Amino acid sequence: MMKKIKNLVFGIILAVSFSVNAQEKTFQVSVFGTGEPILFFPGFTCTGEVWESAVQELSKNYQCHVFTFAGFGDVPAIEKPWLPKIKEGIQQYIKQENLENPSIVGHSLGGALGLWLATESDSFKNLIIVDALASTGALMMPDFKSEYMVYDSPYNQQMLTMTDADFEGMVTQMATGMAADQDKQHKIKNWMLMADRETYVYGYTDLLKLDLRHDLEKITVPVTILAATEPYGHEMAKSTYENQYKNLKEYDLKFGEGANHFIMYDQPDWFLQNLKTALKTEAF
């Protein structure tokens, strides 16, 4: 019962938090605690609730800025291009709130977004990437080129016209491979179902189009990568990460053994301990 109450309280706080960007509200933010600022970026379709356990602990010593992006949860959708507008909105938010040297913690899409921001500015204290790649598209497609990713494609049209029942069947299957616990799988599935369909389709195109592999050499802040080993095992995961991040000067790569994509759910103690350690990392 107490857990349900805590989840409800977190959800209420998130819902009433403020948005930025007078033209379009690209995200909502909740702020918890005081101290050095941390920006928490969730993965694709997820709300800020994904960070609940980490924020409850870290807000004792840090000021946690927890994001939910447009089109996800109960945040209204925006016009495309979705991901570039979110990046610009975050840059505005940092200036507006006078956040000095914030740390970034980003999962999946949120990790890629953190990398993108860090390629354009060295004003971050450190960057903690949670199971995210510099180019998701390159992982999924042979002979990948960013310009191949366009909004008007047969696949996108198929996704947009898919019935609600077929879409639910698809995301239910997807969620089973993202976390070990069935309750967490159900939560992940519900986030996918809540997502605005056009944001789901076109926003994912934006993510696939983003290729930061060569721009990684511009990053000068400390980077910690917390990676999952499942479903392909440690060696395959290690090979993938080393290939994707070969242009990054220095980084600390750690693996949550046996964890699926949502490491914070499958290995919560390991995740929190390594998060705390990474946040104390000083510049190289």
Protein backbone atom coordinates (compact mmCIF):
# COMPACT_ATOMS: atom_id res chain seq x y z
CA MET A 1 0.00 0.00 0.00
CA MET A 2 2.78 2.46 0.90
CA LYS A 3 4.46 1.79 -2.44
CA LYS A 4 1.24 2.58 -4.27
CA ILE A 5 0.86 5.81 -2.29
CA LYS A 6 4.43 6.84 -3.12
CA ASN A 7 3.85 6.14 -6.81
CA LEU A 8 0.65 8.18 -6.72
CA VAL A 9 2.34 11.12 -4.99
CA PHE A 10 5.19 11.07 -7.50
CA GLY A 11 2.70 11.02 -10.36
CA ILE A 12 0.73 13.95 -8.93
CA ILE A 13 3.87 16.04 -8.49
CA LEU A 14 4.91 15.26 -12.03
CA ALA A 15 1.52 16.22 -13.43
CA VAL A 16 1.48 19.67 -11.84
CA SER A 17 5.08 20.56 -12.63
CA PHE A 18 5.80 23.36 -15.04
CA SER A 19 6.66 23.33 -18.72
CA VAL A 20 9.08 25.48 -20.69
CA ASN A 21 9.22 26.95 -24.19
CA ALA A 22 6.53 29.57 -24.76
CA GLN A 23 6.02 28.45 -28.36
CA GLU A 24 5.57 24.74 -27.70
CA LYS A 25 5.78 22.87 -24.43
CA THR A 26 8.48 20.39 -25.30
CA PHE A 27 8.50 18.73 -21.87
CA GLN A 28 7.39 18.91 -18.26
CA VAL A 29 9.84 19.00 -15.37
CA SER A 30 9.57 18.20 -11.68
CA VAL A 31 12.26 19.38 -9.27
CA PHE A 32 13.11 17.46 -6.11
CA GLY A 33 15.68 18.28 -3.44
CA THR A 34 18.48 20.83 -3.25
CA GLY A 35 22.17 20.81 -4.11
CA GLU A 36 24.10 20.30 -7.33
CA PRO A 37 21.67 19.90 -10.26
CA ILE A 38 21.05 16.63 -12.09
CA LEU A 39 18.93 16.42 -15.25
CA PHE A 40 17.10 13.09 -15.55
CA PHE A 41 16.05 12.17 -19.12
CA PRO A 42 13.80 9.10 -19.52
CA GLY A 43 13.81 6.71 -22.45
CA PHE A 44 11.43 6.66 -25.40
CA THR A 45 7.72 6.75 -24.34
CA CYS A 46 8.65 6.69 -20.63
CA THR A 47 7.64 9.29 -18.09
CA GLY A 48 9.85 10.69 -15.35
CA GLU A 49 8.43 8.04 -13.03
CA VAL A 50 11.06 5.64 -14.38
CA TRP A 51 13.58 7.48 -12.17
CA GLU A 52 11.45 7.35 -9.01
CA SER A 53 13.69 5.14 -6.84
CA ALA A 54 16.88 6.93 -7.86
CA VAL A 55 15.38 10.36 -7.31
CA GLN A 56 14.00 9.45 -3.90
CA GLU A 57 17.55 8.62 -2.82
CA LEU A 58 19.56 11.24 -4.71
CA SER A 59 17.27 14.16 -3.89
CA LYS A 60 18.61 13.94 -0.33
CA ASN A 61 21.85 15.49 -1.61
CA TYR A 62 21.15 16.79 -5.13
CA GLN A 63 18.60 18.93 -6.93
CA CYS A 64 16.91 16.49 -9.32
CA HIS A 65 15.22 17.85 -12.45
CA VAL A 66 13.02 15.02 -13.75
CA PHE A 67 11.77 15.32 -17.34
CA THR A 68 8.83 13.87 -19.27
CA PHE A 69 8.94 14.68 -22.96
CA ALA A 70 6.11 15.94 -25.18
CA GLY A 71 3.81 13.23 -26.49
CA PHE A 72 4.53 10.88 -23.58
CA GLY A 73 2.56 10.34 -20.39
CA ASP A 74 0.05 13.18 -20.13
CA VAL A 75 2.29 15.79 -21.81
CA PRO A 76 0.65 17.07 -25.03
CA ALA A 77 2.32 16.28 -28.34
CA ILE A 78 4.20 18.88 -30.40
CA GLU A 79 4.83 19.27 -34.11
CA LYS A 80 7.87 17.56 -35.63
CA PRO A 81 10.84 17.68 -35.73
CA TRP A 82 10.34 16.37 -32.23
CA LEU A 83 13.83 15.55 -30.94
CA PRO A 84 15.60 18.73 -32.14
CA LYS A 85 12.88 20.83 -30.46
CA ILE A 86 13.33 18.94 -27.21
CA LYS A 87 17.10 19.50 -27.30
CA GLU A 88 16.60 23.22 -27.90
CA GLY A 89 14.03 23.38 -25.11
CA ILE A 90 16.45 21.76 -22.66
CA GLN A 91 19.18 24.23 -23.60
CA GLN A 92 16.72 27.06 -22.93
CA TYR A 93 15.70 25.48 -19.63
CA ILE A 94 19.30 25.28 -18.40
CA LYS A 95 19.78 28.98 -19.14
CA GLN A 96 16.39 29.98 -17.75
CA GLU A 97 16.98 28.17 -14.46
CA ASN A 98 20.63 29.28 -14.22
CA LEU A 99 21.81 25.70 -13.76
CA GLU A 100 25.58 25.66 -13.41
CA ASN A 101 27.41 22.54 -14.56
CA PRO A 102 24.48 20.15 -14.24
CA SER A 103 25.04 16.42 -14.48
CA ILE A 104 22.96 14.44 -16.97
CA VAL A 105 21.50 10.99 -16.34
CA GLY A 106 19.84 9.62 -19.47
CA HIS A 107 18.29 6.26 -20.28
CA SER A 108 18.12 5.00 -23.88
CA LEU A 109 16.73 7.93 -25.91
CA GLY A 110 17.54 10.14 -22.90
CA GLY A 111 21.15 8.97 -23.01
CA ALA A 112 21.44 9.78 -26.71
CA LEU A 113 19.96 13.20 -25.97
CA GLY A 114 22.55 13.72 -23.24
CA LEU A 115 25.34 12.82 -25.63
CA TRP A 116 23.97 15.26 -28.20
CA LEU A 117 23.91 18.09 -25.67
CA ALA A 118 27.45 17.27 -24.53
CA THR A 119 28.77 17.42 -28.11
CA GLU A 120 27.64 21.05 -28.24
CA SER A 121 28.69 22.24 -24.78
CA ASP A 122 31.34 21.43 -22.18
CA SER A 123 29.31 23.05 -19.39
CA PHE A 124 28.09 19.77 -17.90
CA LYS A 125 29.75 18.28 -14.84
CA ASN A 126 29.42 14.72 -16.07
CA LEU A 127 27.29 12.49 -18.24
CA ILE A 128 25.82 9.16 -17.16
CA ILE A 129 24.47 7.07 -20.02
CA VAL A 130 22.11 4.21 -19.17
CA ASP A 131 21.96 1.56 -21.92
CA ALA A 132 22.10 4.06 -24.78
CA LEU A 133 24.08 4.22 -28.00
CA ALA A 134 25.57 6.97 -30.12
CA SER A 135 23.66 5.65 -33.15
CA THR A 136 20.62 3.44 -32.61
CA GLY A 137 20.04 3.34 -36.36
CA ALA A 138 23.50 1.89 -37.05
CA LEU A 139 22.80 -0.95 -34.61
CA MET A 140 19.53 -1.85 -36.30
CA MET A 141 20.38 -1.46 -40.00
CA PRO A 142 23.31 -2.61 -42.14
CA ASP A 143 24.90 0.12 -44.27
CA PHE A 144 23.09 2.72 -42.18
CA LYS A 145 23.09 6.32 -43.33
CA SER A 146 21.31 9.08 -41.43
CA GLU A 147 19.71 10.49 -44.57
CA TYR A 148 17.85 7.21 -45.12
CA MET A 149 15.67 8.04 -42.12
CA VAL A 150 12.66 10.01 -43.39
CA TYR A 151 9.19 10.63 -41.98
CA ASP A 152 7.35 9.57 -45.12
CA SER A 153 8.16 5.86 -45.31
CA PRO A 154 6.10 2.67 -45.79
CA TYR A 155 7.03 1.47 -42.30
CA ASN A 156 5.88 4.72 -40.69
CA GLN A 157 2.62 4.65 -42.61
CA GLN A 158 2.03 1.10 -41.45
CA MET A 159 2.65 2.11 -37.83
CA LEU A 160 0.35 5.12 -38.07
CA THR A 161 -2.54 3.07 -39.47
CA MET A 162 -2.09 0.06 -37.18
CA THR A 163 -5.23 -0.73 -35.16
CA ASP A 164 -5.12 -0.15 -31.41
CA ALA A 165 -5.40 -3.90 -30.82
CA ASP A 166 -2.48 -4.70 -33.13
CA PHE A 167 -0.40 -1.91 -31.61
CA GLU A 168 -1.07 -3.21 -28.12
CA GLY A 169 -0.05 -6.70 -29.18
CA MET A 170 3.20 -5.37 -30.61
CA VAL A 171 4.21 -3.30 -27.58
CA THR A 172 3.20 -6.07 -25.17
CA GLN A 173 5.69 -8.34 -26.90
CA MET A 174 8.34 -5.61 -26.90
CA ALA A 175 7.94 -4.93 -23.19
CA THR A 176 8.58 -8.56 -22.24
CA GLY A 177 12.19 -8.19 -23.35
CA MET A 178 12.86 -4.90 -21.57
CA ALA A 179 12.61 -5.97 -17.92
CA ALA A 180 12.49 -9.23 -16.01
CA ASP A 181 9.66 -8.39 -13.60
CA GLN A 182 6.13 -8.73 -15.03
CA ASP A 183 4.81 -5.70 -13.15
CA LYS A 184 7.60 -3.59 -14.66
CA GLN A 185 6.83 -5.03 -18.10
CA HIS A 186 3.21 -3.97 -17.64
CA LYS A 187 4.31 -0.45 -16.65
CA ILE A 188 6.57 -0.17 -19.71
CA LYS A 189 3.78 -1.44 -21.98
CA ASN A 190 1.35 1.11 -20.57
CA TRP A 191 3.79 3.95 -21.24
CA MET A 192 3.98 2.82 -24.86
CA LEU A 193 0.19 2.70 -25.10
CA MET A 194 -0.15 6.17 -23.59
CA ALA A 195 2.23 7.71 -26.12
CA ASP A 196 0.83 9.90 -28.87
CA ARG A 197 0.97 7.71 -31.99
CA GLU A 198 2.56 10.31 -34.27
CA THR A 199 5.17 11.07 -31.62
CA TYR A 200 5.84 7.35 -31.30
CA VAL A 201 6.37 7.03 -35.05
CA TYR A 202 8.05 10.29 -36.03
CA GLY A 203 9.94 10.70 -32.75
CA TYR A 204 11.51 7.28 -33.24
CA THR A 205 12.49 8.33 -36.76
CA ASP A 206 14.27 11.31 -35.17
CA LEU A 207 16.12 8.96 -32.83
CA LEU A 208 17.16 6.62 -35.65
CA LYS A 209 18.34 9.59 -37.70
CA LEU A 210 20.58 10.83 -34.88
CA ASP A 211 24.13 9.59 -35.45
CA LEU A 212 26.64 10.98 -32.98
CA ARG A 213 29.45 8.46 -33.49
CA HIS A 214 31.85 10.92 -35.12
CA ASP A 215 30.80 13.85 -32.92
CA LEU A 216 31.75 11.95 -29.76
CA GLU A 217 35.29 13.30 -30.11
CA LYS A 218 33.89 16.73 -29.18
CA ILE A 219 32.83 15.56 -25.70
CA THR A 220 35.21 16.66 -22.96
CA VAL A 221 33.17 15.95 -19.81
CA PRO A 222 33.46 12.67 -17.86
CA VAL A 223 31.20 9.94 -19.27
CA THR A 224 30.03 6.82 -17.47
CA ILE A 225 28.08 4.18 -19.40
CA LEU A 226 25.93 1.71 -17.47
CA ALA A 227 25.05 -1.03 -19.92
CA ALA A 228 22.76 -4.07 -19.91
CA THR A 229 24.06 -7.49 -20.95
CA GLU A 230 20.73 -8.97 -22.03
CA PRO A 231 19.48 -10.33 -24.33
CA TYR A 232 22.73 -11.04 -26.22
CA GLY A 233 25.20 -11.54 -23.38
CA HIS A 234 28.23 -9.70 -22.02
CA GLU A 235 30.64 -10.20 -24.92
CA MET A 236 28.21 -9.05 -27.60
CA ALA A 237 27.21 -6.02 -25.51
CA LYS A 238 30.88 -5.16 -24.89
CA SER A 239 31.66 -5.36 -28.61
CA THR A 240 28.68 -3.16 -29.51
CA TYR A 241 29.55 -0.46 -26.99
CA GLU A 242 33.23 -0.38 -27.82
CA ASN A 243 32.42 -0.06 -31.52
CA GLN A 244 29.84 2.69 -31.01
CA TYR A 245 31.96 4.72 -28.59
CA LYS A 246 35.40 4.31 -30.20
CA ASN A 247 35.62 8.05 -30.97
CA LEU A 248 34.95 9.07 -27.36
CA LYS A 249 38.28 10.03 -25.76
CA GLU A 250 37.64 8.57 -22.31
CA TYR A 251 34.74 6.82 -20.68
CA ASP A 252 33.98 4.33 -17.93
CA LEU A 253 31.93 1.36 -19.19
CA LYS A 254 30.22 -0.87 -16.63
CA PHE A 255 27.86 -3.79 -17.19
CA GLY A 256 24.81 -4.72 -15.16
CA GLU A 257 25.17 -8.48 -15.48
CA GLY A 258 21.88 -10.20 -16.27
CA ALA A 259 20.03 -6.90 -16.65
CA ASN A 260 17.69 -6.09 -19.50
CA HIS A 261 17.28 -2.64 -21.06
CA PHE A 262 15.64 -1.16 -17.93
CA ILE A 263 18.68 -1.68 -15.72
CA MET A 264 17.17 0.46 -12.97
CA TYR A 265 14.43 -2.17 -12.61
CA ASP A 266 16.45 -5.37 -13.06
CA GLN A 267 19.52 -4.39 -10.98
CA PRO A 268 18.28 -1.55 -8.73
CA ASP A 269 20.97 -1.78 -6.04
CA TRP A 270 23.82 -2.09 -8.56
CA PHE A 271 22.35 0.74 -10.59
CA LEU A 272 21.99 3.14 -7.68
CA GLN A 273 25.45 2.44 -6.31
CA ASN A 274 27.10 3.02 -9.68
CA LEU A 275 24.99 6.12 -10.24
CA LYS A 276 26.24 7.59 -6.95
CA THR A 277 29.84 6.73 -7.82
CA ALA A 278 29.56 8.26 -11.30
CA LEU A 279 28.07 11.49 -10.00
CA LYS A 280 31.21 12.07 -7.93
CA THR A 281 33.51 11.66 -10.95
CA GLU A 282 35.70 14.68 -11.58
CA ALA A 283 36.83 15.92 -14.99
CA PHE A 284 39.64 13.96 -16.60
